[in-house]
Amino acid sequence: MFELRWFKTFIWTLATFFAILFVLPLAYELFVIATPEMDASAERNSRQLVQFTSNIFSWVALFLGCLVAWNQRQTHIRRERLHKRVIERTREKRRQAREAQYEKLYGKKPPKGRSTS
């Protein structure tokens, strides 16, 4: 089965990035509308602080989410490789068992290039 856990994590990371980047300033604007008026300097300073905080949090969320998604992707790739090796080992053991059975029955090694099944 094709696993998309790392991709889902990446999409959630992007969603979180944009939510923090745009929703936090929007929430601040709603807060400004609902509260008594501030003087222009205080409002400008608080708006800059909210923008700065929003940018920092959104980039940190994006970076951490990408790290988690990358780790999940690497884990998925390692599991696929391990699974492939297990299948190859199982096939090799079955082939050796068939050859041993052939040798036991006929007293000679099976001919090359022919299936012993």
PDB file of N, CA and C in Angstrom:
ATOM      1  N   MET A   1       0.842  -1.181   0.000  1.00  0.00           N
ATOM      2  CA  MET A   1       0.000   0.000   0.000  1.00  0.00           C
ATOM      3  C   MET A   1       0.888   1.246   0.000  1.00  0.00           C
ATOM      4  N   PHE A   2       0.520   2.192  -0.810  1.00  0.00           N
ATOM      5  CA  PHE A   2       1.289   3.433  -0.911  1.00  0.00           C
ATOM      6  C   PHE A   2       0.920   4.340   0.253  1.00  0.00           C
ATOM      7  N   GLU A   3       1.872   4.584   1.098  1.00  0.00           N
ATOM      8  CA  GLU A   3       1.644   5.359   2.313  1.00  0.00           C
ATOM      9  C   GLU A   3       1.833   6.848   2.040  1.00  0.00           C
ATOM     10  N   LEU A   4       0.867   7.647   2.453  1.00  0.00           N
ATOM     11  CA  LEU A   4       0.958   9.098   2.236  1.00  0.00           C
ATOM     12  C   LEU A   4       0.987   9.877   3.548  1.00  0.00           C
ATOM     13  N   ARG A   5       1.387   9.232   4.640  1.00  0.00           N
ATOM     14  CA  ARG A   5       1.368   9.909   5.924  1.00  0.00           C
ATOM     15  C   ARG A   5       2.252  11.152   5.918  1.00  0.00           C
ATOM     16  N   TRP A   6       3.430  11.053   5.317  1.00  0.00           N
ATOM     17  CA  TRP A   6       4.343  12.201   5.284  1.00  0.00           C
ATOM     18  C   TRP A   6       3.747  13.339   4.459  1.00  0.00           C
ATOM     19  N   PHE A   7       3.022  12.997   3.386  1.00  0.00           N
ATOM     20  CA  PHE A   7       2.424  14.029   2.541  1.00  0.00           C
ATOM     21  C   PHE A   7       1.281  14.727   3.280  1.00  0.00           C
ATOM     22  N   LYS A   8       0.480  13.943   4.007  1.00  0.00           N
ATOM     23  CA  LYS A   8      -0.598  14.540   4.800  1.00  0.00           C
ATOM     24  C   LYS A   8      -0.027  15.486   5.853  1.00  0.00           C
ATOM     25  N   THR A   9       1.066  15.072   6.477  1.00  0.00           N
ATOM     26  CA  THR A   9       1.714  15.934   7.469  1.00  0.00           C
ATOM     27  C   THR A   9       2.184  17.231   6.825  1.00  0.00           C
ATOM     28  N   PHE A  10       2.754  17.121   5.631  1.00  0.00           N
ATOM     29  CA  PHE A  10       3.227  18.315   4.932  1.00  0.00           C
ATOM     30  C   PHE A  10       2.062  19.253   4.600  1.00  0.00           C
ATOM     31  N   ILE A  11       0.946  18.704   4.139  1.00  0.00           N
ATOM     32  CA  ILE A  11      -0.228  19.527   3.816  1.00  0.00           C
ATOM     33  C   ILE A  11      -0.758  20.213   5.078  1.00  0.00           C
ATOM     34  N   TRP A  12      -0.831  19.480   6.189  1.00  0.00           N
ATOM     35  CA  TRP A  12      -1.275  20.086   7.448  1.00  0.00           C
ATOM     36  C   TRP A  12      -0.311  21.188   7.884  1.00  0.00           C
ATOM     37  N   THR A  13       0.964  20.980   7.625  1.00  0.00           N
ATOM     38  CA  THR A  13       1.960  21.998   7.957  1.00  0.00           C
ATOM     39  C   THR A  13       1.722  23.270   7.156  1.00  0.00           C
ATOM     40  N   LEU A  14       1.485  23.109   5.856  1.00  0.00           N
ATOM     41  CA  LEU A  14       1.194  24.291   5.033  1.00  0.00           C
ATOM     42  C   LEU A  14      -0.078  24.991   5.499  1.00  0.00           C
ATOM     43  N   ALA A  15      -1.095  24.203   5.837  1.00  0.00           N
ATOM     44  CA  ALA A  15      -2.344  24.793   6.319  1.00  0.00           C
ATOM     45  C   ALA A  15      -2.102  25.575   7.614  1.00  0.00           C
ATOM     46  N   THR A  16      -1.320  25.004   8.513  1.00  0.00           N
ATOM     47  CA  THR A  16      -1.004  25.693   9.768  1.00  0.00           C
ATOM     48  C   THR A  16      -0.213  26.968   9.500  1.00  0.00           C
ATOM     49  N   PHE A  17       0.733  26.873   8.579  1.00  0.00           N
ATOM     50  CA  PHE A  17       1.544  28.041   8.213  1.00  0.00           C
ATOM     51  C   PHE A  17       0.654  29.194   7.757  1.00  0.00           C
ATOM     52  N   PHE A  18      -0.248  28.910   6.814  1.00  0.00           N
ATOM     53  CA  PHE A  18      -1.102  29.973   6.295  1.00  0.00           C
ATOM     54  C   PHE A  18      -2.131  30.433   7.324  1.00  0.00           C
ATOM     55  N   ALA A  19      -2.610  29.509   8.153  1.00  0.00           N
ATOM     56  CA  ALA A  19      -3.570  29.902   9.185  1.00  0.00           C
ATOM     57  C   ALA A  19      -2.928  30.882  10.161  1.00  0.00           C
ATOM     58  N   ILE A  20      -1.731  30.555  10.621  1.00  0.00           N
ATOM     59  CA  ILE A  20      -1.055  31.463  11.558  1.00  0.00           C
ATOM     60  C   ILE A  20      -0.709  32.775  10.866  1.00  0.00           C
ATOM     61  N   LEU A  21      -0.254  32.679   9.627  1.00  0.00           N
ATOM     62  CA  LEU A  21       0.185  33.871   8.906  1.00  0.00           C
ATOM     63  C   LEU A  21      -0.961  34.847   8.662  1.00  0.00           C
ATOM     64  N   PHE A  22      -2.160  34.329   8.391  1.00  0.00           N
ATOM     65  CA  PHE A  22      -3.273  35.214   8.037  1.00  0.00           C
ATOM     66  C   PHE A  22      -4.341  35.341   9.122  1.00  0.00           C
ATOM     67  N   VAL A  23      -4.569  34.295   9.893  1.00  0.00           N
ATOM     68  CA  VAL A  23      -5.652  34.328  10.876  1.00  0.00           C
ATOM     69  C   VAL A  23      -5.268  35.149  12.102  1.00  0.00           C
ATOM     70  N   LEU A  24      -4.027  35.050  12.543  1.00  0.00           N
ATOM     71  CA  LEU A  24      -3.617  35.820  13.719  1.00  0.00           C
ATOM     72  C   LEU A  24      -3.756  37.337  13.489  1.00  0.00           C
ATOM     73  N   PRO A  25      -3.278  37.883  12.369  1.00  0.00           N
ATOM     74  CA  PRO A  25      -3.516  39.319  12.129  1.00  0.00           C
ATOM     75  C   PRO A  25      -5.003  39.661  11.971  1.00  0.00           C
ATOM     76  N   LEU A  26      -5.764  38.751  11.364  1.00  0.00           N
ATOM     77  CA  LEU A  26      -7.206  38.990  11.232  1.00  0.00           C
ATOM     78  C   LEU A  26      -7.870  39.021  12.607  1.00  0.00           C
ATOM     79  N   ALA A  27      -7.479  38.098  13.474  1.00  0.00           N
ATOM     80  CA  ALA A  27      -8.024  38.095  14.835  1.00  0.00           C
ATOM     81  C   ALA A  27      -7.644  39.384  15.559  1.00  0.00           C
ATOM     82  N   TYR A  28      -6.445  39.859  15.317  1.00  0.00           N
ATOM     83  CA  TYR A  28      -6.031  41.120  15.931  1.00  0.00           C
ATOM     84  C   TYR A  28      -6.899  42.274  15.432  1.00  0.00           C
ATOM     85  N   GLU A  29      -7.177  42.298  14.133  1.00  0.00           N
ATOM     86  CA  GLU A  29      -8.028  43.362  13.584  1.00  0.00           C
ATOM     87  C   GLU A  29      -9.419  43.325  14.222  1.00  0.00           C
ATOM     88  N   LEU A  30      -9.956  42.125  14.416  1.00  0.00           N
ATOM     89  CA  LEU A  30     -11.258  42.010  15.089  1.00  0.00           C
ATOM     90  C   LEU A  30     -11.157  42.489  16.536  1.00  0.00           C
ATOM     91  N   PHE A  31     -10.044  42.199  17.185  1.00  0.00           N
ATOM     92  CA  PHE A  31      -9.816  42.670  18.548  1.00  0.00           C
ATOM     93  C   PHE A  31      -9.775  44.197  18.586  1.00  0.00           C
ATOM     94  N   VAL A  32      -9.108  44.810  17.608  1.00  0.00           N
ATOM     95  CA  VAL A  32      -9.012  46.278  17.559  1.00  0.00           C
ATOM     96  C   VAL A  32     -10.393  46.893  17.363  1.00  0.00           C
ATOM     97  N   ILE A  33     -11.203  46.256  16.517  1.00  0.00           N
ATOM     98  CA  ILE A  33     -12.554  46.771  16.273  1.00  0.00           C
ATOM     99  C   ILE A  33     -13.396  46.696  17.547  1.00  0.00           C
ATOM    100  N   ALA A  34     -13.225  45.622  18.329  1.00  0.00           N
ATOM    101  CA  ALA A  34     -14.068  45.396  19.502  1.00  0.00           C
ATOM    102  C   ALA A  34     -13.621  46.186  20.729  1.00  0.00           C
ATOM    103  N   THR A  35     -12.431  46.731  20.735  1.00  0.00           N
ATOM    104  CA  THR A  35     -11.926  47.443  21.915  1.00  0.00           C
ATOM    105  C   THR A  35     -11.987  48.955  21.683  1.00  0.00           C
ATOM    106  N   PRO A  36     -11.890  49.708  22.770  1.00  0.00           N
ATOM    107  CA  PRO A  36     -11.860  51.171  22.612  1.00  0.00           C
ATOM    108  C   PRO A  36     -10.643  51.609  21.792  1.00  0.00           C
ATOM    109  N   GLU A  37     -10.769  52.765  21.181  1.00  0.00           N
ATOM    110  CA  GLU A  37      -9.705  53.245  20.295  1.00  0.00           C
ATOM    111  C   GLU A  37      -8.420  53.513  21.050  1.00  0.00           C
ATOM    112  N   MET A  38      -7.305  53.145  20.376  1.00  0.00           N
ATOM    113  CA  MET A  38      -5.974  53.443  20.914  1.00  0.00           C
ATOM    114  C   MET A  38      -5.435  54.655  20.152  1.00  0.00           C
ATOM    115  N   ASP A  39      -4.379  55.230  20.696  1.00  0.00           N
ATOM    116  CA  ASP A  39      -3.752  56.293  19.911  1.00  0.00           C
ATOM    117  C   ASP A  39      -2.994  55.650  18.746  1.00  0.00           C
ATOM    118  N   ALA A  40      -2.680  56.432  17.735  1.00  0.00           N
ATOM    119  CA  ALA A  40      -2.120  55.914  16.479  1.00  0.00           C
ATOM    120  C   ALA A  40      -0.787  55.205  16.695  1.00  0.00           C
ATOM    121  N   SER A  41       0.044  55.743  17.548  1.00  0.00           N
ATOM    122  CA  SER A  41       1.363  55.151  17.779  1.00  0.00           C
ATOM    123  C   SER A  41       1.244  53.773  18.442  1.00  0.00           C
ATOM    124  N   ALA A  42       0.405  53.670  19.459  1.00  0.00           N
ATOM    125  CA  ALA A  42       0.224  52.387  20.157  1.00  0.00           C
ATOM    126  C   ALA A  42      -0.388  51.350  19.223  1.00  0.00           C
ATOM    127  N   GLU A  43      -1.351  51.782  18.410  1.00  0.00           N
ATOM    128  CA  GLU A  43      -1.973  50.838  17.473  1.00  0.00           C
ATOM    129  C   GLU A  43      -0.962  50.360  16.432  1.00  0.00           C
ATOM    130  N   ARG A  44      -0.150  51.269  15.925  1.00  0.00           N
ATOM    131  CA  ARG A  44       0.859  50.901  14.933  1.00  0.00           C
ATOM    132  C   ARG A  44       1.876  49.925  15.538  1.00  0.00           C
ATOM    133  N   ASN A  45       2.320  50.227  16.764  1.00  0.00           N
ATOM    134  CA  ASN A  45       3.288  49.347  17.426  1.00  0.00           C
ATOM    135  C   ASN A  45       2.698  47.964  17.698  1.00  0.00           C
ATOM    136  N   SER A  46       1.471  47.934  18.171  1.00  0.00           N
ATOM    137  CA  SER A  46       0.859  46.629  18.464  1.00  0.00           C
ATOM    138  C   SER A  46       0.594  45.853  17.172  1.00  0.00           C
ATOM    139  N   ARG A  47       0.230  46.548  16.106  1.00  0.00           N
ATOM    140  CA  ARG A  47       0.015  45.873  14.817  1.00  0.00           C
ATOM    141  C   ARG A  47       1.332  45.287  14.290  1.00  0.00           C
ATOM    142  N   GLN A  48       2.415  46.035  14.412  1.00  0.00           N
ATOM    143  CA  GLN A  48       3.726  45.525  13.988  1.00  0.00           C
ATOM    144  C   GLN A  48       4.144  44.320  14.830  1.00  0.00           C
ATOM    145  N   LEU A  49       3.865  44.390  16.124  1.00  0.00           N
ATOM    146  CA  LEU A  49       4.195  43.268  17.003  1.00  0.00           C
ATOM    147  C   LEU A  49       3.410  42.012  16.616  1.00  0.00           C
ATOM    148  N   VAL A  50       2.130  42.179  16.311  1.00  0.00           N
ATOM    149  CA  VAL A  50       1.309  41.032  15.900  1.00  0.00           C
ATOM    150  C   VAL A  50       1.808  40.477  14.572  1.00  0.00           C
ATOM    151  N   GLN A  51       2.145  41.329  13.624  1.00  0.00           N
ATOM    152  CA  GLN A  51       2.675  40.864  12.339  1.00  0.00           C
ATOM    153  C   GLN A  51       3.983  40.099  12.535  1.00  0.00           C
ATOM    154  N   PHE A  52       4.863  40.660  13.351  1.00  0.00           N
ATOM    155  CA  PHE A  52       6.149  40.008  13.608  1.00  0.00           C
ATOM    156  C   PHE A  52       5.944  38.645  14.277  1.00  0.00           C
ATOM    157  N   THR A  53       5.101  38.602  15.296  1.00  0.00           N
ATOM    158  CA  THR A  53       4.815  37.343  15.998  1.00  0.00           C
ATOM    159  C   THR A  53       4.191  36.328  15.057  1.00  0.00           C
ATOM    160  N   SER A  54       3.267  36.774  14.243  1.00  0.00           N
ATOM    161  CA  SER A  54       2.618  35.887  13.282  1.00  0.00           C
ATOM    162  C   SER A  54       3.630  35.309  12.304  1.00  0.00           C
ATOM    163  N   ASN A  55       4.510  36.147  11.794  1.00  0.00           N
ATOM    164  CA  ASN A  55       5.538  35.668  10.859  1.00  0.00           C
ATOM    165  C   ASN A  55       6.462  34.647  11.514  1.00  0.00           C
ATOM    166  N   ILE A  56       6.930  34.960  12.709  1.00  0.00           N
ATOM    167  CA  ILE A  56       7.850  34.041  13.399  1.00  0.00           C
ATOM    168  C   ILE A  56       7.164  32.705  13.662  1.00  0.00           C
ATOM    169  N   PHE A  57       5.968  32.733  14.255  1.00  0.00           N
ATOM    170  CA  PHE A  57       5.270  31.479  14.567  1.00  0.00           C
ATOM    171  C   PHE A  57       4.958  30.677  13.314  1.00  0.00           C
ATOM    172  N   SER A  58       4.556  31.345  12.250  1.00  0.00           N
ATOM    173  CA  SER A  58       4.202  30.609  11.035  1.00  0.00           C
ATOM    174  C   SER A  58       5.430  29.944  10.421  1.00  0.00           C
ATOM    175  N   TRP A  59       6.569  30.641  10.396  1.00  0.00           N
ATOM    176  CA  TRP A  59       7.783  30.038   9.831  1.00  0.00           C
ATOM    177  C   TRP A  59       8.320  28.910  10.711  1.00  0.00           C
ATOM    178  N   VAL A  60       8.212  29.068  12.016  1.00  0.00           N
ATOM    179  CA  VAL A  60       8.626  27.983  12.918  1.00  0.00           C
ATOM    180  C   VAL A  60       7.736  26.765  12.708  1.00  0.00           C
ATOM    181  N   ALA A  61       6.422  26.981  12.589  1.00  0.00           N
ATOM    182  CA  ALA A  61       5.501  25.862  12.349  1.00  0.00           C
ATOM    183  C   ALA A  61       5.811  25.188  11.016  1.00  0.00           C
ATOM    184  N   LEU A  62       6.091  25.978   9.991  1.00  0.00           N
ATOM    185  CA  LEU A  62       6.429  25.406   8.685  1.00  0.00           C
ATOM    186  C   LEU A  62       7.719  24.588   8.766  1.00  0.00           C
ATOM    187  N   PHE A  63       8.734  25.118   9.410  1.00  0.00           N
ATOM    188  CA  PHE A  63      10.014  24.418   9.526  1.00  0.00           C
ATOM    189  C   PHE A  63       9.862  23.107  10.298  1.00  0.00           C
ATOM    190  N   LEU A  64       9.202  23.156  11.456  1.00  0.00           N
ATOM    191  CA  LEU A  64       9.029  21.941  12.259  1.00  0.00           C
ATOM    192  C   LEU A  64       8.166  20.910  11.536  1.00  0.00           C
ATOM    193  N   GLY A  65       7.112  21.375  10.880  1.00  0.00           N
ATOM    194  CA  GLY A  65       6.258  20.453  10.129  1.00  0.00           C
ATOM    195  C   GLY A  65       7.000  19.790   8.987  1.00  0.00           C
ATOM    196  N   CYS A  66       7.838  20.557   8.302  1.00  0.00           N
ATOM    197  CA  CYS A  66       8.638  19.970   7.214  1.00  0.00           C
ATOM    198  C   CYS A  66       9.631  18.954   7.755  1.00  0.00           C
ATOM    199  N   LEU A  67      10.214  19.224   8.919  1.00  0.00           N
ATOM    200  CA  LEU A  67      11.113  18.245   9.533  1.00  0.00           C
ATOM    201  C   LEU A  67      10.378  16.943   9.849  1.00  0.00           C
ATOM    202  N   VAL A  68       9.192  17.055  10.416  1.00  0.00           N
ATOM    203  CA  VAL A  68       8.411  15.855  10.741  1.00  0.00           C
ATOM    204  C   VAL A  68       8.030  15.109   9.470  1.00  0.00           C
ATOM    205  N   ALA A  69       7.582  15.834   8.452  1.00  0.00           N
ATOM    206  CA  ALA A  69       7.202  15.190   7.186  1.00  0.00           C
ATOM    207  C   ALA A  69       8.408  14.506   6.544  1.00  0.00           C
ATOM    208  N   TRP A  70       9.570  15.152   6.576  1.00  0.00           N
ATOM    209  CA  TRP A  70      10.782  14.554   6.006  1.00  0.00           C
ATOM    210  C   TRP A  70      11.154  13.280   6.759  1.00  0.00           C
ATOM    211  N   ASN A  71      11.059  13.324   8.082  1.00  0.00           N
ATOM    212  CA  ASN A  71      11.362  12.146   8.890  1.00  0.00           C
ATOM    213  C   ASN A  71      10.391  11.007   8.569  1.00  0.00           C
ATOM    214  N   GLN A  72       9.111  11.312   8.428  1.00  0.00           N
ATOM    215  CA  GLN A  72       8.129  10.284   8.082  1.00  0.00           C
ATOM    216  C   GLN A  72       8.406   9.713   6.701  1.00  0.00           C
ATOM    217  N   ARG A  73       8.810  10.560   5.766  1.00  0.00           N
ATOM    218  CA  ARG A  73       9.119  10.089   4.409  1.00  0.00           C
ATOM    219  C   ARG A  73      10.326   9.158   4.418  1.00  0.00           C
ATOM    220  N   GLN A  74      11.368   9.538   5.147  1.00  0.00           N
ATOM    221  CA  GLN A  74      12.557   8.691   5.232  1.00  0.00           C
ATOM    222  C   GLN A  74      12.236   7.352   5.897  1.00  0.00           C
ATOM    223  N   THR A  75      11.412   7.378   6.935  1.00  0.00           N
ATOM    224  CA  THR A  75      10.994   6.139   7.599  1.00  0.00           C
ATOM    225  C   THR A  75      10.232   5.257   6.630  1.00  0.00           C
ATOM    226  N   HIS A  76       9.358   5.860   5.839  1.00  0.00           N
ATOM    227  CA  HIS A  76       8.585   5.101   4.856  1.00  0.00           C
ATOM    228  C   HIS A  76       9.506   4.452   3.822  1.00  0.00           C
ATOM    229  N   ILE A  77      10.485   5.196   3.344  1.00  0.00           N
ATOM    230  CA  ILE A  77      11.426   4.661   2.353  1.00  0.00           C
ATOM    231  C   ILE A  77      12.223   3.503   2.960  1.00  0.00           C
ATOM    232  N   ARG A  78      12.689   3.666   4.212  1.00  0.00           N
ATOM    233  CA  ARG A  78      13.432   2.576   4.870  1.00  0.00           C
ATOM    234  C   ARG A  78      12.560   1.335   5.019  1.00  0.00           C
ATOM    235  N   ARG A  79      11.294   1.508   5.389  1.00  0.00           N
ATOM    236  CA  ARG A  79      10.398   0.353   5.533  1.00  0.00           C
ATOM    237  C   ARG A  79      10.170  -0.342   4.204  1.00  0.00           C
ATOM    238  N   GLU A  80      10.029   0.432   3.127  1.00  0.00           N
ATOM    239  CA  GLU A  80       9.862  -0.183   1.804  1.00  0.00           C
ATOM    240  C   GLU A  80      11.088  -1.006   1.424  1.00  0.00           C
ATOM    241  N   ARG A  81      12.277  -0.470   1.664  1.00  0.00           N
ATOM    242  CA  ARG A  81      13.513  -1.201   1.347  1.00  0.00           C
ATOM    243  C   ARG A  81      13.623  -2.474   2.178  1.00  0.00           C
ATOM    244  N   LEU A  82      13.299  -2.371   3.462  1.00  0.00           N
ATOM    245  CA  LEU A  82      13.348  -3.541   4.330  1.00  0.00           C
ATOM    246  C   LEU A  82      12.359  -4.600   3.858  1.00  0.00           C
ATOM    247  N   HIS A  83      11.160  -4.171   3.506  1.00  0.00           N
ATOM    248  CA  HIS A  83      10.140  -5.097   3.016  1.00  0.00           C
ATOM    249  C   HIS A  83      10.622  -5.801   1.746  1.00  0.00           C
ATOM    250  N   LYS A  84      11.248  -5.049   0.858  1.00  0.00           N
ATOM    251  CA  LYS A  84      11.775  -5.631  -0.382  1.00  0.00           C
ATOM    252  C   LYS A  84      12.851  -6.675  -0.074  1.00  0.00           C
ATOM    253  N   ARG A  85      13.741  -6.365   0.882  1.00  0.00           N
ATOM    254  CA  ARG A  85      14.791  -7.328   1.257  1.00  0.00           C
ATOM    255  C   ARG A  85      14.196  -8.587   1.870  1.00  0.00           C
ATOM    256  N   VAL A  86      13.164  -8.441   2.689  1.00  0.00           N
ATOM    257  CA  VAL A  86      12.514  -9.606   3.303  1.00  0.00           C
ATOM    258  C   VAL A  86      11.903 -10.487   2.223  1.00  0.00           C
ATOM    259  N   ILE A  87      11.246  -9.885   1.251  1.00  0.00           N
ATOM    260  CA  ILE A  87      10.649 -10.653   0.150  1.00  0.00           C
ATOM    261  C   ILE A  87      11.736 -11.369  -0.644  1.00  0.00           C
ATOM    262  N   GLU A  88      12.842 -10.683  -0.936  1.00  0.00           N
ATOM    263  CA  GLU A  88      13.941 -11.310  -1.683  1.00  0.00           C
ATOM    264  C   GLU A  88      14.540 -12.479  -0.906  1.00  0.00           C
ATOM    265  N   ARG A  89      14.729 -12.314   0.413  1.00  0.00           N
ATOM    266  CA  ARG A  89      15.258 -13.406   1.231  1.00  0.00           C
ATOM    267  C   ARG A  89      14.312 -14.599   1.240  1.00  0.00           C
ATOM    268  N   THR A  90      13.015 -14.329   1.341  1.00  0.00           N
ATOM    269  CA  THR A  90      12.030 -15.410   1.340  1.00  0.00           C
ATOM    270  C   THR A  90      12.075 -16.161   0.019  1.00  0.00           C
ATOM    271  N   ARG A  91      12.154 -15.446  -1.086  1.00  0.00           N
ATOM    272  CA  ARG A  91      12.245 -16.097  -2.399  1.00  0.00           C
ATOM    273  C   ARG A  91      13.512 -16.937  -2.515  1.00  0.00           C
ATOM    274  N   GLU A  92      14.620 -16.395  -2.014  1.00  0.00           N
ATOM    275  CA  GLU A  92      15.891 -17.126  -2.075  1.00  0.00           C
ATOM    276  C   GLU A  92      15.821 -18.408  -1.238  1.00  0.00           C
ATOM    277  N   LYS A  93      15.233 -18.325  -0.050  1.00  0.00           N
ATOM    278  CA  LYS A  93      15.096 -19.522   0.791  1.00  0.00           C
ATOM    279  C   LYS A  93      14.217 -20.566   0.115  1.00  0.00           C
ATOM    280  N   ARG A  94      13.130 -20.128  -0.509  1.00  0.00           N
ATOM    281  CA  ARG A  94      12.251 -21.072  -1.216  1.00  0.00           C
ATOM    282  C   ARG A  94      12.979 -21.717  -2.390  1.00  0.00           C
ATOM    283  N   ARG A  95      13.772 -20.919  -3.118  1.00  0.00           N
ATOM    284  CA  ARG A  95      14.533 -21.463  -4.240  1.00  0.00           C
ATOM    285  C   ARG A  95      15.534 -22.499  -3.750  1.00  0.00           C
ATOM    286  N   GLN A  96      16.218 -22.179  -2.663  1.00  0.00           N
ATOM    287  CA  GLN A  96      17.185 -23.130  -2.113  1.00  0.00           C
ATOM    288  C   GLN A  96      16.497 -24.402  -1.625  1.00  0.00           C
ATOM    289  N   ALA A  97      15.311 -24.245  -1.016  1.00  0.00           N
ATOM    290  CA  ALA A  97      14.572 -25.421  -0.550  1.00  0.00           C
ATOM    291  C   ALA A  97      14.138 -26.283  -1.731  1.00  0.00           C
ATOM    292  N   ARG A  98      13.701 -25.649  -2.832  1.00  0.00           N
ATOM    293  CA  ARG A  98      13.314 -26.417  -4.027  1.00  0.00           C
ATOM    294  C   ARG A  98      14.508 -27.167  -4.603  1.00  0.00           C
ATOM    295  N   GLU A  99      15.656 -26.484  -4.657  1.00  0.00           N
ATOM    296  CA  GLU A  99      16.861 -27.139  -5.173  1.00  0.00           C
ATOM    297  C   GLU A  99      17.284 -28.301  -4.277  1.00  0.00           C
ATOM    298  N   ALA A 100      17.187 -28.107  -2.949  1.00  0.00           N
ATOM    299  CA  ALA A 100      17.543 -29.186  -2.024  1.00  0.00           C
ATOM    300  C   ALA A 100      16.591 -30.366  -2.184  1.00  0.00           C
ATOM    301  N   GLN A 101      15.307 -30.076  -2.365  1.00  0.00           N
ATOM    302  CA  GLN A 101      14.320 -31.142  -2.567  1.00  0.00           C
ATOM    303  C   GLN A 101      14.605 -31.882  -3.872  1.00  0.00           C
ATOM    304  N   TYR A 102      14.934 -31.165  -4.914  1.00  0.00           N
ATOM    305  CA  TYR A 102      15.255 -31.779  -6.212  1.00  0.00           C
ATOM    306  C   TYR A 102      16.484 -32.672  -6.071  1.00  0.00           C
ATOM    307  N   GLU A 103      17.498 -32.141  -5.361  1.00  0.00           N
ATOM    308  CA  GLU A 103      18.729 -32.910  -5.176  1.00  0.00           C
ATOM    309  C   GLU A 103      18.465 -34.166  -4.343  1.00  0.00           C
ATOM    310  N   LYS A 104      17.590 -34.051  -3.359  1.00  0.00           N
ATOM    311  CA  LYS A 104      17.243 -35.200  -2.513  1.00  0.00           C
ATOM    312  C   LYS A 104      16.512 -36.265  -3.325  1.00  0.00           C
ATOM    313  N   LEU A 105      15.598 -35.824  -4.204  1.00  0.00           N
ATOM    314  CA  LEU A 105      14.806 -36.771  -5.000  1.00  0.00           C
ATOM    315  C   LEU A 105      15.621 -37.420  -6.108  1.00  0.00           C
ATOM    316  N   TYR A 106      16.409 -36.615  -6.825  1.00  0.00           N
ATOM    317  CA  TYR A 106      17.074 -37.106  -8.034  1.00  0.00           C
ATOM    318  C   TYR A 106      18.573 -37.336  -7.859  1.00  0.00           C
ATOM    319  N   GLY A 107      19.136 -36.948  -6.727  1.00  0.00           N
ATOM    320  CA  GLY A 107      20.543 -37.189  -6.471  1.00  0.00           C
ATOM    321  C   GLY A 107      21.489 -36.318  -7.268  1.00  0.00           C
ATOM    322  N   LYS A 108      21.002 -35.304  -7.884  1.00  0.00           N
ATOM    323  CA  LYS A 108      21.861 -34.388  -8.638  1.00  0.00           C
ATOM    324  C   LYS A 108      21.278 -32.978  -8.555  1.00  0.00           C
ATOM    325  N   LYS A 109      22.104 -32.025  -8.896  1.00  0.00           N
ATOM    326  CA  LYS A 109      21.644 -30.628  -8.865  1.00  0.00           C
ATOM    327  C   LYS A 109      20.677 -30.389 -10.019  1.00  0.00           C
ATOM    328  N   PRO A 110      19.706 -29.499  -9.820  1.00  0.00           N
ATOM    329  CA  PRO A 110      18.773 -29.206 -10.910  1.00  0.00           C
ATOM    330  C   PRO A 110      19.493 -28.534 -12.072  1.00  0.00           C
ATOM    331  N   PRO A 111      19.013 -28.765 -13.292  1.00  0.00           N
ATOM    332  CA  PRO A 111      19.646 -28.128 -14.449  1.00  0.00           C
ATOM    333  C   PRO A 111      19.487 -26.605 -14.372  1.00  0.00           C
ATOM    334  N   LYS A 112      20.492 -25.911 -14.840  1.00  0.00           N
ATOM    335  CA  LYS A 112      20.455 -24.442 -14.818  1.00  0.00           C
ATOM    336  C   LYS A 112      19.433 -23.937 -15.834  1.00  0.00           C
ATOM    337  N   GLY A 113      18.737 -22.862 -15.458  1.00  0.00           N
ATOM    338  CA  GLY A 113      17.807 -22.228 -16.383  1.00  0.00           C
ATOM    339  C   GLY A 113      16.421 -22.842 -16.389  1.00  0.00           C
ATOM    340  N   ARG A 114      16.231 -23.938 -15.686  1.00  0.00           N
ATOM    341  CA  ARG A 114      14.904 -24.559 -15.635  1.00  0.00           C
ATOM    342  C   ARG A 114      14.321 -24.397 -14.248  1.00  0.00           C
ATOM    343  N   SER A 115      13.038 -24.274 -14.211  1.00  0.00           N
ATOM    344  CA  SER A 115      12.353 -24.152 -12.939  1.00  0.00           C
ATOM    345  C   SER A 115      12.300 -25.518 -12.272  1.00  0.00           C
ATOM    346  N   THR A 116      12.452 -25.539 -10.959  1.00  0.00           N
ATOM    347  CA  THR A 116      12.412 -26.808 -10.232  1.00  0.00           C
ATOM    348  C   THR A 116      11.083 -26.994  -9.526  1.00  0.00           C
ATOM    349  N   SER A 117      10.095 -26.169  -9.835  1.00  0.00           N
ATOM    350  CA  SER A 117       8.820 -26.290  -9.144  1.00  0.00           C
ATOM    351  C   SER A 117       7.924 -27.312  -9.775  1.00  0.00           C
TER     352      SER A 117
END
